[in-house]
Amino acid sequence: MKKKGLFKKTILSTVLLATAGALLFSSCTKDSSNQNNSNTSAKVTMRLTDAPADYDAVNIDIQKVEVTVEGSTAVTLTPVRAGIYNLLDFRNGIDTLLVQADLPVGKVGQIRLVLGDSNSVVVNGQTHALKTPSAQESGLKLNLHEELAAGGSYTFWIDFDAGKSIVETGNGKYNLKPVIRAYTALTNGKIKGTVLPQTAMTTVYASDGVNTYTAIPNADGTFVFSGMPEGTYTITMDAAVALFTDVTLNNIKVTYGQETDLGVTTLIQ
């Protein structure tokens, strides 16, 4: 009987050792696979944001995102929600997740937004189809020139300037001639502030002498400029109501990775 019990214990020990070995092998194989993947790819997140426009809505039908990495074939990505995005939902620092994927390492040369046919602009409650010029039929292209390192994690913001991208051609017709740019956390200069009172219906402009950026404050008067190059800016708070006096702020510094807070500005009558 003792020999029989010893035999059973030997078999049980052998099975446990074999199982432990298999689990160890499986664990090693999984780790090796993850390591190999991190050696050849980088995690990329793309978020959509907007510079404001004086429309009721600007609806862009984004079906795919194509990314070209030097030395690799172009990668076609499907947005987390393919379809219509109202760009005016993403102003004053608000953005939305567009795509998230692993991309080959190397320099990103170009990003192309492939659009569907359901692009429109809403003006004074009326919806107008947005026609895309023949030069843009293959998609909306922008250059990034960002180097992706193995195992890195990157976030890109695609800033669609709705105000500059819509062109009225007459007879109630509108064309989409996109003005878009991309920036990263390392090239993201920000300015925020609040302008009161709301009844002044103020538009805020930021100019560095070369480029001018526009912000339409929220209902509470807050506004945000994002993705601005480093430099010195002149901020103009332009009241639409003539009873209020416009305000100009000079020598406002913008530094990458930092947010310049202008505080609260109250326009006087």
Protein backbone atom coordinates (compact mmCIF):
# COMPACT_ATOMS: atom_id res chain seq x y z
CA MET A 1 0.00 0.00 0.00
CA LYS A 2 2.83 2.40 0.73
CA LYS A 3 4.34 1.81 -2.68
CA LYS A 4 0.96 2.46 -4.36
CA GLY A 5 0.56 5.77 -2.45
CA LEU A 6 4.09 6.75 -3.40
CA PHE A 7 3.31 5.99 -7.05
CA LYS A 8 0.24 8.27 -6.96
CA LYS A 9 2.24 11.10 -5.37
CA THR A 10 4.91 10.74 -8.05
CA ILE A 11 2.33 11.00 -10.84
CA LEU A 12 0.70 14.03 -9.17
CA SER A 13 4.04 15.79 -8.77
CA THR A 14 4.89 15.15 -12.41
CA VAL A 15 1.57 16.63 -13.57
CA LEU A 16 2.00 19.73 -11.39
CA LEU A 17 5.52 20.30 -12.66
CA ALA A 18 4.40 19.90 -16.27
CA THR A 19 1.53 22.35 -15.74
CA ALA A 20 3.80 24.91 -14.08
CA GLY A 21 6.28 24.55 -16.93
CA ALA A 22 3.55 25.10 -19.51
CA LEU A 23 2.31 28.22 -17.70
CA LEU A 24 5.85 29.55 -17.46
CA PHE A 25 6.40 28.93 -21.15
CA SER A 26 3.12 30.62 -22.00
CA SER A 27 4.02 33.63 -19.87
CA CYS A 28 7.44 33.95 -21.47
CA THR A 29 5.98 33.66 -24.95
CA LYS A 30 3.41 36.40 -24.24
CA ASP A 31 6.01 38.77 -22.80
CA SER A 32 8.31 38.17 -25.75
CA SER A 33 5.48 38.95 -28.18
CA ASN A 34 4.63 42.21 -26.41
CA GLN A 35 8.27 43.19 -26.34
CA ASN A 36 8.68 42.51 -30.05
CA ASN A 37 5.57 44.57 -30.83
CA SER A 38 6.86 47.51 -28.77
CA ASN A 39 10.14 47.36 -30.70
CA THR A 40 8.38 47.97 -34.01
CA SER A 41 5.41 50.20 -33.19
CA ALA A 42 4.21 53.20 -31.23
CA LYS A 43 0.82 53.94 -29.71
CA VAL A 44 -0.89 56.92 -31.32
CA THR A 45 -4.04 58.77 -30.28
CA MET A 46 -5.61 61.38 -32.54
CA ARG A 47 -8.14 63.87 -31.23
CA LEU A 48 -10.32 66.27 -33.21
CA THR A 49 -10.72 69.90 -32.17
CA ASP A 50 -11.89 73.11 -33.83
CA ALA A 51 -11.31 76.81 -34.20
CA PRO A 52 -14.78 78.41 -33.98
CA ALA A 53 -16.99 79.77 -36.74
CA ASP A 54 -20.11 81.91 -36.88
CA TYR A 55 -22.43 79.13 -38.09
CA ASP A 56 -25.11 77.05 -36.43
CA ALA A 57 -23.24 73.83 -37.27
CA VAL A 58 -20.41 72.56 -39.46
CA ASN A 59 -20.92 68.84 -40.09
CA ILE A 60 -17.96 66.89 -41.46
CA ASP A 61 -18.41 63.24 -42.46
CA ILE A 62 -15.14 61.49 -41.50
CA GLN A 63 -15.03 57.88 -42.68
CA LYS A 64 -11.35 56.97 -42.48
CA VAL A 65 -7.96 58.32 -41.44
CA GLU A 66 -4.92 57.40 -43.51
CA VAL A 67 -1.44 57.82 -42.04
CA THR A 68 1.76 57.68 -44.07
CA VAL A 69 4.92 56.68 -42.18
CA GLU A 70 8.21 56.98 -44.06
CA GLY A 71 9.58 53.55 -44.99
CA SER A 72 6.20 51.84 -44.46
CA THR A 73 3.03 51.43 -46.45
CA ALA A 74 0.20 53.82 -45.63
CA VAL A 75 -1.97 52.69 -42.72
CA THR A 76 -5.75 53.14 -43.00
CA LEU A 77 -7.56 53.58 -39.70
CA THR A 78 -11.28 53.60 -38.93
CA PRO A 79 -12.43 56.31 -36.49
CA VAL A 80 -13.87 55.19 -33.18
CA ARG A 81 -17.10 56.65 -34.53
CA ALA A 82 -17.07 56.90 -38.31
CA GLY A 83 -19.58 59.45 -39.55
CA ILE A 84 -20.61 63.05 -38.95
CA TYR A 85 -18.85 65.34 -36.49
CA ASN A 86 -20.20 68.81 -35.79
CA LEU A 87 -16.96 70.75 -35.48
CA LEU A 88 -18.60 73.46 -33.41
CA ASP A 89 -19.00 70.95 -30.57
CA PHE A 90 -15.21 70.96 -30.11
CA ARG A 91 -14.15 74.54 -29.47
CA ASN A 92 -12.55 76.38 -26.53
CA GLY A 93 -10.34 73.48 -25.48
CA ILE A 94 -12.90 70.70 -26.03
CA ASP A 95 -11.88 67.79 -28.25
CA THR A 96 -13.03 64.27 -29.08
CA LEU A 97 -11.25 60.97 -29.67
CA LEU A 98 -10.95 60.29 -33.40
CA VAL A 99 -8.65 57.24 -33.68
CA GLN A 100 -6.38 55.18 -31.45
CA ALA A 101 -3.97 52.64 -32.92
CA ASP A 102 -0.47 51.17 -33.05
CA LEU A 103 1.58 52.61 -35.91
CA PRO A 104 4.96 51.58 -37.35
CA VAL A 105 7.95 53.49 -35.98
CA GLY A 106 9.39 56.22 -38.16
CA LYS A 107 8.49 59.74 -39.27
CA VAL A 108 4.82 60.48 -39.91
CA GLY A 109 4.79 62.35 -43.21
CA GLN A 110 1.11 62.91 -43.85
CA ILE A 111 -2.33 62.43 -42.32
CA ARG A 112 -5.33 62.24 -44.65
CA LEU A 113 -8.94 62.48 -43.55
CA VAL A 114 -11.15 60.53 -45.96
CA LEU A 115 -14.60 62.11 -46.06
CA GLY A 116 -18.01 60.74 -46.93
CA ASP A 117 -20.76 62.60 -48.82
CA SER A 118 -22.75 63.96 -45.86
CA ASN A 119 -20.87 67.23 -45.29
CA SER A 120 -22.99 70.29 -44.54
CA VAL A 121 -23.11 73.72 -42.95
CA VAL A 122 -26.12 75.11 -41.11
CA VAL A 123 -26.65 78.87 -41.53
CA ASN A 124 -29.53 80.65 -39.81
CA GLY A 125 -31.31 77.33 -39.36
CA GLN A 126 -30.93 76.31 -43.02
CA THR A 127 -28.80 73.31 -43.98
CA HIS A 128 -26.56 73.63 -47.05
CA ALA A 129 -24.52 70.85 -48.61
CA LEU A 130 -20.77 71.40 -48.53
CA LYS A 131 -19.17 70.73 -51.88
CA THR A 132 -15.59 69.54 -51.90
CA PRO A 133 -13.29 70.92 -54.64
CA SER A 134 -11.84 68.31 -56.99
CA ALA A 135 -8.37 68.86 -55.50
CA GLN A 136 -9.71 67.60 -52.16
CA GLU A 137 -11.73 64.62 -53.39
CA SER A 138 -9.01 62.19 -52.35
CA GLY A 139 -9.21 63.46 -48.78
CA LEU A 140 -8.12 66.31 -46.55
CA LYS A 141 -4.35 66.22 -46.21
CA LEU A 142 -2.03 67.72 -43.63
CA ASN A 143 1.65 67.22 -42.95
CA LEU A 144 2.90 66.41 -39.46
CA HIS A 145 6.57 65.34 -39.63
CA GLU A 146 6.55 63.77 -36.17
CA GLU A 147 9.04 60.99 -35.36
CA LEU A 148 7.49 57.91 -33.74
CA ALA A 149 9.91 56.01 -31.49
CA ALA A 150 9.55 52.31 -30.63
CA GLY A 151 7.34 51.78 -27.60
CA GLY A 152 6.40 55.47 -27.46
CA SER A 153 2.95 56.92 -26.82
CA TYR A 154 1.81 60.02 -28.71
CA THR A 155 -1.26 62.23 -28.85
CA PHE A 156 -1.96 64.37 -31.91
CA TRP A 157 -4.64 67.03 -32.13
CA ILE A 158 -6.18 67.70 -35.54
CA ASP A 159 -7.38 71.31 -35.47
CA PHE A 160 -10.02 72.03 -38.10
CA ASP A 161 -10.52 75.78 -38.61
CA ALA A 162 -14.22 75.83 -39.47
CA GLY A 163 -14.35 79.60 -39.94
CA LYS A 164 -11.61 79.63 -42.58
CA SER A 165 -12.67 76.35 -44.21
CA ILE A 166 -16.17 77.33 -45.35
CA VAL A 167 -16.39 79.46 -48.49
CA GLU A 168 -19.70 80.94 -49.63
CA THR A 169 -19.92 80.89 -53.42
CA GLY A 170 -23.28 82.66 -53.76
CA ASN A 171 -26.87 81.52 -54.34
CA GLY A 172 -26.86 79.73 -51.01
CA LYS A 173 -24.00 77.41 -51.98
CA TYR A 174 -20.95 76.64 -49.89
CA ASN A 175 -17.62 74.95 -50.58
CA LEU A 176 -15.36 73.11 -48.16
CA LYS A 177 -11.79 74.32 -48.59
CA PRO A 178 -10.26 72.94 -45.43
CA VAL A 179 -7.77 74.77 -43.29
CA ILE A 180 -6.43 72.19 -40.84
CA ARG A 181 -3.28 71.72 -38.80
CA ALA A 182 -1.91 69.21 -36.34
CA TYR A 183 -0.02 69.67 -33.11
CA THR A 184 1.24 67.58 -30.21
CA ALA A 185 1.55 68.09 -26.46
CA LEU A 186 5.10 69.34 -27.08
CA THR A 187 3.93 71.97 -29.58
CA ASN A 188 0.79 73.07 -27.78
CA GLY A 189 0.84 76.68 -26.62
CA LYS A 190 -2.38 77.74 -24.87
CA ILE A 191 -4.11 80.95 -23.85
CA LYS A 192 -7.26 81.05 -21.76
CA GLY A 193 -9.37 83.79 -20.27
CA THR A 194 -12.84 85.15 -19.58
CA VAL A 195 -14.46 88.19 -21.17
CA LEU A 196 -17.58 89.83 -19.73
CA PRO A 197 -20.37 90.81 -20.01
CA GLN A 198 -22.02 88.21 -22.23
CA THR A 199 -24.27 90.90 -23.73
CA ALA A 200 -21.24 92.43 -25.49
CA MET A 201 -21.16 89.37 -27.82
CA THR A 202 -17.37 89.48 -27.97
CA THR A 203 -15.04 87.70 -30.37
CA VAL A 204 -11.43 87.26 -29.24
CA TYR A 205 -8.49 87.39 -31.63
CA ALA A 206 -4.85 86.43 -31.01
CA SER A 207 -2.20 87.60 -33.48
CA ASP A 208 1.55 87.16 -33.58
CA GLY A 209 1.89 89.48 -36.57
CA VAL A 210 1.82 86.58 -39.04
CA ASN A 211 -1.10 84.37 -38.03
CA THR A 212 -4.40 85.33 -36.45
CA TYR A 213 -6.42 82.90 -34.32
CA THR A 214 -10.06 83.31 -33.35
CA ALA A 215 -12.05 82.29 -30.29
CA ILE A 216 -15.79 82.73 -29.71
CA PRO A 217 -16.36 82.64 -25.92
CA ASN A 218 -18.73 80.19 -24.30
CA ALA A 219 -21.97 81.37 -22.72
CA ASP A 220 -20.11 82.06 -19.45
CA GLY A 221 -17.49 84.18 -21.24
CA THR A 222 -14.63 81.66 -21.08
CA PHE A 223 -12.41 81.05 -24.10
CA VAL A 224 -9.33 78.97 -24.94
CA PHE A 225 -6.75 79.08 -27.73
CA SER A 226 -4.90 75.78 -28.22
CA GLY A 227 -2.07 74.60 -30.48
CA MET A 228 -0.50 78.04 -30.76
CA PRO A 229 3.16 78.43 -31.74
CA GLU A 230 5.54 79.93 -29.21
CA GLY A 231 5.82 83.69 -29.43
CA THR A 232 4.41 87.05 -28.41
CA TYR A 233 0.79 87.82 -29.18
CA THR A 234 -1.62 90.73 -29.25
CA ILE A 235 -5.04 89.81 -27.89
CA THR A 236 -8.03 91.80 -29.12
CA MET A 237 -11.45 91.49 -27.51
CA ASP A 238 -13.84 92.79 -30.13
CA ALA A 239 -17.38 93.54 -28.94
CA ALA A 240 -20.14 93.16 -31.53
CA VAL A 241 -22.35 95.54 -29.55
CA ALA A 242 -21.19 99.12 -30.17
CA LEU A 243 -22.06 100.25 -26.62
CA PHE A 244 -18.99 98.40 -25.30
CA THR A 245 -15.35 99.42 -25.72
CA ASP A 246 -12.97 96.88 -27.26
CA VAL A 247 -9.93 95.82 -25.23
CA THR A 248 -6.41 95.10 -26.52
CA LEU A 249 -3.77 93.22 -24.51
CA ASN A 250 -0.18 93.47 -25.76
CA ASN A 251 2.94 91.34 -25.28
CA ILE A 252 1.16 88.15 -24.23
CA LYS A 253 3.75 85.38 -24.11
CA VAL A 254 3.01 81.84 -25.28
CA THR A 255 5.32 78.96 -24.36
CA TYR A 256 4.96 75.34 -25.47
CA GLY A 257 3.56 73.09 -22.79
CA GLN A 258 2.26 75.99 -20.71
CA GLU A 259 -1.10 77.74 -20.41
CA THR A 260 -1.18 81.54 -20.27
CA ASP A 261 -4.11 82.71 -18.13
CA LEU A 262 -5.44 86.19 -18.97
CA GLY A 263 -7.90 86.14 -16.07
CA VAL A 264 -11.19 88.04 -16.34
CA THR A 265 -11.58 91.05 -18.60
CA THR A 266 -14.70 93.21 -18.31
CA LEU A 267 -15.60 95.46 -21.21
CA ILE A 268 -16.93 98.84 -20.19
CA GLN A 269 -19.61 100.98 -21.79
